[in-house]
PDB file of N, CA and C in Angstrom:
ATOM      1  N   MET A   1       0.850   5.579  -5.567  1.00  0.00           N
ATOM      2  CA  MET A   1      -0.258   5.399  -4.800  1.00  0.00           C
ATOM      3  C   MET A   1      -0.095   5.509  -3.548  1.00  0.00           C
ATOM      4  N   SER A   2      -1.011   6.266  -3.314  1.00  0.00           N
ATOM      5  CA  SER A   2      -1.556   6.407  -1.677  1.00  0.00           C
ATOM      6  C   SER A   2      -1.601   5.761  -0.682  1.00  0.00           C
ATOM      7  N   THR A   3      -1.394   5.610   0.355  1.00  0.00           N
ATOM      8  CA  THR A   3      -1.497   4.803   1.765  1.00  0.00           C
ATOM      9  C   THR A   3      -3.331   4.567   1.972  1.00  0.00           C
ATOM     10  N   ILE A   4      -3.421   3.689   2.745  1.00  0.00           N
ATOM     11  CA  ILE A   4      -4.965   3.387   3.168  1.00  0.00           C
ATOM     12  C   ILE A   4      -5.062   4.285   4.458  1.00  0.00           C
ATOM     13  N   LEU A   5      -4.396   4.286   5.379  1.00  0.00           N
ATOM     14  CA  LEU A   5      -4.397   5.153   6.470  1.00  0.00           C
ATOM     15  C   LEU A   5      -3.353   6.158   6.571  1.00  0.00           C
ATOM     16  N   LYS A   6      -3.806   7.048   7.653  1.00  0.00           N
ATOM     17  CA  LYS A   6      -2.996   8.424   7.760  1.00  0.00           C
ATOM     18  C   LYS A   6      -2.438   7.868   9.283  1.00  0.00           C
ATOM     19  N   TRP A   7      -1.195   8.266   9.274  1.00  0.00           N
ATOM     20  CA  TRP A   7      -0.570   7.643  10.157  1.00  0.00           C
ATOM     21  C   TRP A   7       0.752   8.759  10.776  1.00  0.00           C
ATOM     22  N   ALA A   8       0.735   8.554  12.076  1.00  0.00           N
ATOM     23  CA  ALA A   8       1.944   9.564  12.626  1.00  0.00           C
ATOM     24  C   ALA A   8       3.307   8.728  12.104  1.00  0.00           C
ATOM     25  N   GLY A   9       4.249   9.745  11.701  1.00  0.00           N
ATOM     26  CA  GLY A   9       5.286   9.365  11.159  1.00  0.00           C
ATOM     27  C   GLY A   9       5.210   8.994   9.668  1.00  0.00           C
ATOM     28  N   ASN A  10       4.357   9.322   9.142  1.00  0.00           N
ATOM     29  CA  ASN A  10       4.212   8.511   7.953  1.00  0.00           C
ATOM     30  C   ASN A  10       5.080   9.208   6.877  1.00  0.00           C
ATOM     31  N   LYS A  11       5.872   8.254   6.223  1.00  0.00           N
ATOM     32  CA  LYS A  11       7.659   8.454   5.453  1.00  0.00           C
ATOM     33  C   LYS A  11       6.848   9.050   3.627  1.00  0.00           C
ATOM     34  N   THR A  12       5.702   9.737   3.542  1.00  0.00           N
ATOM     35  CA  THR A  12       5.260   9.482   2.088  1.00  0.00           C
ATOM     36  C   THR A  12       5.897  11.021   1.770  1.00  0.00           C
ATOM     37  N   ALA A  13       5.844  11.853   2.584  1.00  0.00           N
ATOM     38  CA  ALA A  13       6.394  13.434   1.994  1.00  0.00           C
ATOM     39  C   ALA A  13       8.270  12.956   1.730  1.00  0.00           C
ATOM     40  N   ILE A  14       8.439  12.068   2.864  1.00  0.00           N
ATOM     41  CA  ILE A  14      10.260  11.847   2.504  1.00  0.00           C
ATOM     42  C   ILE A  14      10.791  10.981   1.407  1.00  0.00           C
ATOM     43  N   MET A  15       9.486  10.337   0.927  1.00  0.00           N
ATOM     44  CA  MET A  15       9.762   9.029  -0.080  1.00  0.00           C
ATOM     45  C   MET A  15      10.843   9.591  -1.287  1.00  0.00           C
ATOM     46  N   PRO A  16      10.975  10.656  -1.968  1.00  0.00           N
ATOM     47  CA  PRO A  16      11.721  10.816  -3.058  1.00  0.00           C
ATOM     48  C   PRO A  16      13.356  10.683  -2.237  1.00  0.00           C
ATOM     49  N   GLU A  17      13.402  11.455  -1.051  1.00  0.00           N
ATOM     50  CA  GLU A  17      14.673  11.090  -0.822  1.00  0.00           C
ATOM     51  C   GLU A  17      15.129   9.770  -0.282  1.00  0.00           C
ATOM     52  N   LEU A  18      14.123   9.159   0.708  1.00  0.00           N
ATOM     53  CA  LEU A  18      14.486   8.009   1.342  1.00  0.00           C
ATOM     54  C   LEU A  18      14.441   6.859   0.032  1.00  0.00           C
ATOM     55  N   ILE A  19      13.800   6.794  -1.082  1.00  0.00           N
ATOM     56  CA  ILE A  19      14.401   5.653  -1.767  1.00  0.00           C
ATOM     57  C   ILE A  19      15.303   5.631  -2.536  1.00  0.00           C
ATOM     58  N   LYS A  20      16.021   6.845  -2.709  1.00  0.00           N
ATOM     59  CA  LYS A  20      17.647   6.785  -3.036  1.00  0.00           C
ATOM     60  C   LYS A  20      18.452   5.815  -2.062  1.00  0.00           C
ATOM     61  N   HIS A  21      18.318   5.746  -0.744  1.00  0.00           N
ATOM     62  CA  HIS A  21      18.950   5.198   0.092  1.00  0.00           C
ATOM     63  C   HIS A  21      18.595   3.474   0.174  1.00  0.00           C
ATOM     64  N   LEU A  22      17.611   2.996  -0.217  1.00  0.00           N
ATOM     65  CA  LEU A  22      17.046   1.740  -0.252  1.00  0.00           C
ATOM     66  C   LEU A  22      18.046   0.615  -1.038  1.00  0.00           C
ATOM     67  N   PRO A  23      18.161  -0.257  -0.445  1.00  0.00           N
ATOM     68  CA  PRO A  23      18.891  -1.095  -1.446  1.00  0.00           C
ATOM     69  C   PRO A  23      18.255  -2.065  -2.382  1.00  0.00           C
ATOM     70  N   ALA A  24      18.944  -2.504  -3.588  1.00  0.00           N
ATOM     71  CA  ALA A  24      18.556  -3.349  -4.403  1.00  0.00           C
ATOM     72  C   ALA A  24      18.145  -4.823  -3.754  1.00  0.00           C
ATOM     73  N   GLY A  25      17.323  -5.494  -4.086  1.00  0.00           N
ATOM     74  CA  GLY A  25      17.081  -6.697  -3.746  1.00  0.00           C
ATOM     75  C   GLY A  25      15.746  -7.301  -4.157  1.00  0.00           C
ATOM     76  N   PRO A  26      15.619  -8.463  -3.826  1.00  0.00           N
ATOM     77  CA  PRO A  26      14.008  -9.485  -4.222  1.00  0.00           C
ATOM     78  C   PRO A  26      13.198  -8.965  -3.145  1.00  0.00           C
ATOM     79  N   ARG A  27      13.485  -8.520  -2.004  1.00  0.00           N
ATOM     80  CA  ARG A  27      12.604  -8.109  -0.923  1.00  0.00           C
ATOM     81  C   ARG A  27      12.994  -7.089  -0.067  1.00  0.00           C
ATOM     82  N   LEU A  28      12.053  -6.277   0.080  1.00  0.00           N
ATOM     83  CA  LEU A  28      12.013  -5.275   1.518  1.00  0.00           C
ATOM     84  C   LEU A  28      11.431  -5.545   2.558  1.00  0.00           C
ATOM     85  N   VAL A  29      12.040  -5.622   3.375  1.00  0.00           N
ATOM     86  CA  VAL A  29      11.724  -5.863   4.828  1.00  0.00           C
ATOM     87  C   VAL A  29      11.212  -4.316   5.579  1.00  0.00           C
ATOM     88  N   GLU A  30       9.927  -4.368   5.976  1.00  0.00           N
ATOM     89  CA  GLU A  30       9.376  -3.359   6.630  1.00  0.00           C
ATOM     90  C   GLU A  30       8.950  -3.144   8.115  1.00  0.00           C
ATOM     91  N   PRO A  31      10.095  -3.218   9.023  1.00  0.00           N
ATOM     92  CA  PRO A  31       9.726  -3.682  10.315  1.00  0.00           C
ATOM     93  C   PRO A  31       8.869  -2.621  11.295  1.00  0.00           C
ATOM     94  N   PHE A  32       8.315  -1.443  10.555  1.00  0.00           N
ATOM     95  CA  PHE A  32       7.437  -0.583  11.138  1.00  0.00           C
ATOM     96  C   PHE A  32       6.601  -0.157  10.373  1.00  0.00           C
ATOM     97  N   ALA A  33       5.582  -1.061   9.929  1.00  0.00           N
ATOM     98  CA  ALA A  33       4.666  -0.745   9.029  1.00  0.00           C
ATOM     99  C   ALA A  33       4.125   0.468   9.002  1.00  0.00           C
ATOM    100  N   GLY A  34       3.366   0.880   9.968  1.00  0.00           N
ATOM    101  CA  GLY A  34       2.532   1.914   9.962  1.00  0.00           C
ATOM    102  C   GLY A  34       1.705   2.149   8.692  1.00  0.00           C
ATOM    103  N   SER A  35       1.602   2.976   8.060  1.00  0.00           N
ATOM    104  CA  SER A  35       0.662   3.255   6.757  1.00  0.00           C
ATOM    105  C   SER A  35       1.290   2.618   5.519  1.00  0.00           C
ATOM    106  N   CYS A  36       2.388   1.993   5.673  1.00  0.00           N
ATOM    107  CA  CYS A  36       3.035   1.507   4.618  1.00  0.00           C
ATOM    108  C   CYS A  36       3.452   2.034   3.366  1.00  0.00           C
ATOM    109  N   ALA A  37       3.639   3.498   3.895  1.00  0.00           N
ATOM    110  CA  ALA A  37       3.984   4.491   2.851  1.00  0.00           C
ATOM    111  C   ALA A  37       5.703   3.904   2.065  1.00  0.00           C
ATOM    112  N   VAL A  38       6.310   3.343   2.566  1.00  0.00           N
ATOM    113  CA  VAL A  38       7.576   2.841   1.879  1.00  0.00           C
ATOM    114  C   VAL A  38       7.251   1.531   1.174  1.00  0.00           C
ATOM    115  N   MET A  39       6.315   0.884   1.724  1.00  0.00           N
ATOM    116  CA  MET A  39       5.660  -0.547   0.583  1.00  0.00           C
ATOM    117  C   MET A  39       5.257   0.198  -0.754  1.00  0.00           C
ATOM    118  N   MET A  40       4.374   0.993  -0.313  1.00  0.00           N
ATOM    119  CA  MET A  40       3.717   1.715  -1.469  1.00  0.00           C
ATOM    120  C   MET A  40       4.301   2.384  -2.628  1.00  0.00           C
ATOM    121  N   ALA A  41       5.287   3.024  -2.291  1.00  0.00           N
ATOM    122  CA  ALA A  41       6.506   3.951  -2.987  1.00  0.00           C
ATOM    123  C   ALA A  41       7.493   3.041  -3.806  1.00  0.00           C
ATOM    124  N   THR A  42       7.419   1.774  -3.486  1.00  0.00           N
ATOM    125  CA  THR A  42       8.510   1.088  -4.149  1.00  0.00           C
ATOM    126  C   THR A  42       7.796  -0.128  -5.028  1.00  0.00           C
ATOM    127  N   ASP A  43       9.016  -0.716  -5.652  1.00  0.00           N
ATOM    128  CA  ASP A  43       8.462  -1.845  -6.513  1.00  0.00           C
ATOM    129  C   ASP A  43       9.199  -2.928  -6.241  1.00  0.00           C
ATOM    130  N   TYR A  44       9.639  -3.589  -5.070  1.00  0.00           N
ATOM    131  CA  TYR A  44      10.437  -4.752  -5.119  1.00  0.00           C
ATOM    132  C   TYR A  44       9.293  -6.123  -5.507  1.00  0.00           C
ATOM    133  N   PRO A  45       9.928  -6.741  -5.862  1.00  0.00           N
ATOM    134  CA  PRO A  45       9.280  -8.435  -6.014  1.00  0.00           C
ATOM    135  C   PRO A  45       8.343  -8.773  -5.092  1.00  0.00           C
ATOM    136  N   HIS A  46       9.022  -8.564  -3.643  1.00  0.00           N
ATOM    137  CA  HIS A  46       8.462  -9.454  -2.670  1.00  0.00           C
ATOM    138  C   HIS A  46       8.675  -8.515  -1.534  1.00  0.00           C
ATOM    139  N   TYR A  47       7.867  -8.416  -0.188  1.00  0.00           N
ATOM    140  CA  TYR A  47       7.650  -7.187   0.606  1.00  0.00           C
ATOM    141  C   TYR A  47       7.464  -8.493   2.248  1.00  0.00           C
ATOM    142  N   LEU A  48       7.878  -7.785   3.468  1.00  0.00           N
ATOM    143  CA  LEU A  48       7.887  -8.403   4.566  1.00  0.00           C
ATOM    144  C   LEU A  48       7.732  -7.174   5.050  1.00  0.00           C
ATOM    145  N   VAL A  49       6.163  -7.029   5.779  1.00  0.00           N
ATOM    146  CA  VAL A  49       5.568  -6.040   6.026  1.00  0.00           C
ATOM    147  C   VAL A  49       5.499  -6.292   8.008  1.00  0.00           C
ATOM    148  N   ALA A  50       5.895  -5.764   8.910  1.00  0.00           N
ATOM    149  CA  ALA A  50       5.687  -6.436  10.118  1.00  0.00           C
ATOM    150  C   ALA A  50       5.469  -4.829  11.003  1.00  0.00           C
ATOM    151  N   ASP A  51       4.596  -4.950  12.031  1.00  0.00           N
ATOM    152  CA  ASP A  51       4.608  -4.184  13.225  1.00  0.00           C
ATOM    153  C   ASP A  51       4.273  -4.437  14.613  1.00  0.00           C
ATOM    154  N   ILE A  52       4.550  -4.084  15.596  1.00  0.00           N
ATOM    155  CA  ILE A  52       4.032  -4.490  16.559  1.00  0.00           C
ATOM    156  C   ILE A  52       2.548  -4.735  16.938  1.00  0.00           C
ATOM    157  N   ASN A  53       1.724  -3.778  16.008  1.00  0.00           N
ATOM    158  CA  ASN A  53       0.401  -3.438  16.295  1.00  0.00           C
ATOM    159  C   ASN A  53      -0.267  -4.641  15.508  1.00  0.00           C
ATOM    160  N   ALA A  54      -0.797  -5.188  16.207  1.00  0.00           N
ATOM    161  CA  ALA A  54      -1.461  -6.951  15.522  1.00  0.00           C
ATOM    162  C   ALA A  54      -2.772  -6.213  14.753  1.00  0.00           C
ATOM    163  N   ASP A  55      -3.546  -5.098  15.500  1.00  0.00           N
ATOM    164  CA  ASP A  55      -4.770  -4.895  14.456  1.00  0.00           C
ATOM    165  C   ASP A  55      -4.459  -4.216  13.460  1.00  0.00           C
ATOM    166  N   LEU A  56      -3.287  -3.946  13.133  1.00  0.00           N
ATOM    167  CA  LEU A  56      -2.681  -2.837  12.186  1.00  0.00           C
ATOM    168  C   LEU A  56      -2.385  -4.079  10.497  1.00  0.00           C
ATOM    169  N   ILE A  57      -1.537  -5.029  11.516  1.00  0.00           N
ATOM    170  CA  ILE A  57      -1.357  -6.142  10.829  1.00  0.00           C
ATOM    171  C   ILE A  57      -2.508  -6.894  10.215  1.00  0.00           C
ATOM    172  N   ASN A  58      -3.636  -7.089  11.136  1.00  0.00           N
ATOM    173  CA  ASN A  58      -4.792  -7.951  10.623  1.00  0.00           C
ATOM    174  C   ASN A  58      -5.502  -7.329   9.642  1.00  0.00           C
ATOM    175  N   LEU A  59      -5.591  -5.671   9.385  1.00  0.00           N
ATOM    176  CA  LEU A  59      -5.937  -5.028   8.659  1.00  0.00           C
ATOM    177  C   LEU A  59      -5.436  -5.205   7.356  1.00  0.00           C
ATOM    178  N   TYR A  60      -4.429  -5.111   7.245  1.00  0.00           N
ATOM    179  CA  TYR A  60      -3.418  -5.187   5.680  1.00  0.00           C
ATOM    180  C   TYR A  60      -3.575  -6.811   5.217  1.00  0.00           C
ATOM    181  N   GLN A  61      -3.859  -7.777   6.082  1.00  0.00           N
ATOM    182  CA  GLN A  61      -4.075  -9.092   5.712  1.00  0.00           C
ATOM    183  C   GLN A  61      -5.425  -8.984   5.387  1.00  0.00           C
ATOM    184  N   MET A  62      -6.423  -8.407   6.007  1.00  0.00           N
ATOM    185  CA  MET A  62      -7.551  -8.731   5.673  1.00  0.00           C
ATOM    186  C   MET A  62      -7.860  -7.554   4.069  1.00  0.00           C
ATOM    187  N   ALA A  63      -6.922  -6.568   3.561  1.00  0.00           N
ATOM    188  CA  ALA A  63      -6.829  -5.965   2.704  1.00  0.00           C
ATOM    189  C   ALA A  63      -6.506  -6.705   1.656  1.00  0.00           C
ATOM    190  N   ALA A  64      -5.384  -7.535   1.901  1.00  0.00           N
ATOM    191  CA  ALA A  64      -4.556  -8.281   0.953  1.00  0.00           C
ATOM    192  C   ALA A  64      -5.597  -9.665   0.409  1.00  0.00           C
ATOM    193  N   GLN A  65      -5.793 -10.150   1.293  1.00  0.00           N
ATOM    194  CA  GLN A  65      -7.115 -11.438   1.503  1.00  0.00           C
ATOM    195  C   GLN A  65      -8.258 -11.060   0.899  1.00  0.00           C
ATOM    196  N   GLY A  66      -9.128  -9.739   0.943  1.00  0.00           N
ATOM    197  CA  GLY A  66     -10.081  -9.946   0.636  1.00  0.00           C
ATOM    198  C   GLY A  66     -10.556  -8.302   1.098  1.00  0.00           C
ATOM    199  N   ALA A  67     -10.028  -7.779  -0.243  1.00  0.00           N
ATOM    200  CA  ALA A  67     -10.449  -6.403  -0.471  1.00  0.00           C
ATOM    201  C   ALA A  67     -11.642  -5.792  -0.729  1.00  0.00           C
ATOM    202  N   ASP A  68     -12.463  -6.671  -1.166  1.00  0.00           N
ATOM    203  CA  ASP A  68     -13.997  -6.201  -1.725  1.00  0.00           C
ATOM    204  C   ASP A  68     -14.680  -6.483  -0.254  1.00  0.00           C
ATOM    205  N   ASP A  69     -14.520  -7.472   0.761  1.00  0.00           N
ATOM    206  CA  ASP A  69     -15.085  -7.584   1.746  1.00  0.00           C
ATOM    207  C   ASP A  69     -15.082  -6.606   2.767  1.00  0.00           C
ATOM    208  N   LEU A  70     -13.804  -6.319   2.907  1.00  0.00           N
ATOM    209  CA  LEU A  70     -13.190  -4.863   3.696  1.00  0.00           C
ATOM    210  C   LEU A  70     -13.624  -3.720   3.288  1.00  0.00           C
ATOM    211  N   ILE A  71     -14.075  -3.091   1.814  1.00  0.00           N
ATOM    212  CA  ILE A  71     -14.663  -2.157   1.423  1.00  0.00           C
ATOM    213  C   ILE A  71     -16.024  -2.074   1.916  1.00  0.00           C
ATOM    214  N   ASP A  72     -16.725  -3.289   1.588  1.00  0.00           N
ATOM    215  CA  ASP A  72     -18.025  -3.372   1.771  1.00  0.00           C
ATOM    216  C   ASP A  72     -18.163  -2.943   3.523  1.00  0.00           C
ATOM    217  N   CYS A  73     -17.567  -4.014   4.496  1.00  0.00           N
ATOM    218  CA  CYS A  73     -17.609  -3.507   5.686  1.00  0.00           C
ATOM    219  C   CYS A  73     -17.232  -2.113   6.399  1.00  0.00           C
ATOM    220  N   ALA A  74     -16.394  -1.088   5.212  1.00  0.00           N
ATOM    221  CA  ALA A  74     -16.121   0.069   5.821  1.00  0.00           C
ATOM    222  C   ALA A  74     -17.090   0.999   5.426  1.00  0.00           C
ATOM    223  N   TRP A  75     -17.983   0.620   4.277  1.00  0.00           N
ATOM    224  CA  TRP A  75     -18.220   1.518   3.228  1.00  0.00           C
ATOM    225  C   TRP A  75     -19.713   2.240   4.294  1.00  0.00           C
ATOM    226  N   VAL A  76     -20.440   1.532   5.288  1.00  0.00           N
ATOM    227  CA  VAL A  76     -21.094   2.254   6.279  1.00  0.00           C
ATOM    228  C   VAL A  76     -20.434   3.612   7.031  1.00  0.00           C
ATOM    229  N   PHE A  77     -18.979   3.509   7.393  1.00  0.00           N
ATOM    230  CA  PHE A  77     -18.533   4.756   7.763  1.00  0.00           C
ATOM    231  C   PHE A  77     -18.264   6.279   6.910  1.00  0.00           C
ATOM    232  N   PHE A  78     -18.678   5.739   5.592  1.00  0.00           N
ATOM    233  CA  PHE A  78     -18.135   6.652   4.423  1.00  0.00           C
ATOM    234  C   PHE A  78     -19.703   6.948   3.906  1.00  0.00           C
TER     235      PHE A  78
END
């Protein structure tokens, strides 16, 4: 699955190598969310997604809680 944002430092291209080094466990902690490329490319039961950019975290919360509303809002840009 691809990410919903283009982001400087996106890890999508290196995920095949990076995924080999991620620990097994019930939760992935992603402290520098950015585009959420790591989360989108893994299958952990739970995630903790964090970033210092509050607007970015708010966007992901909106996407998780109201995807249809977010799509309707963004539709005017496309």
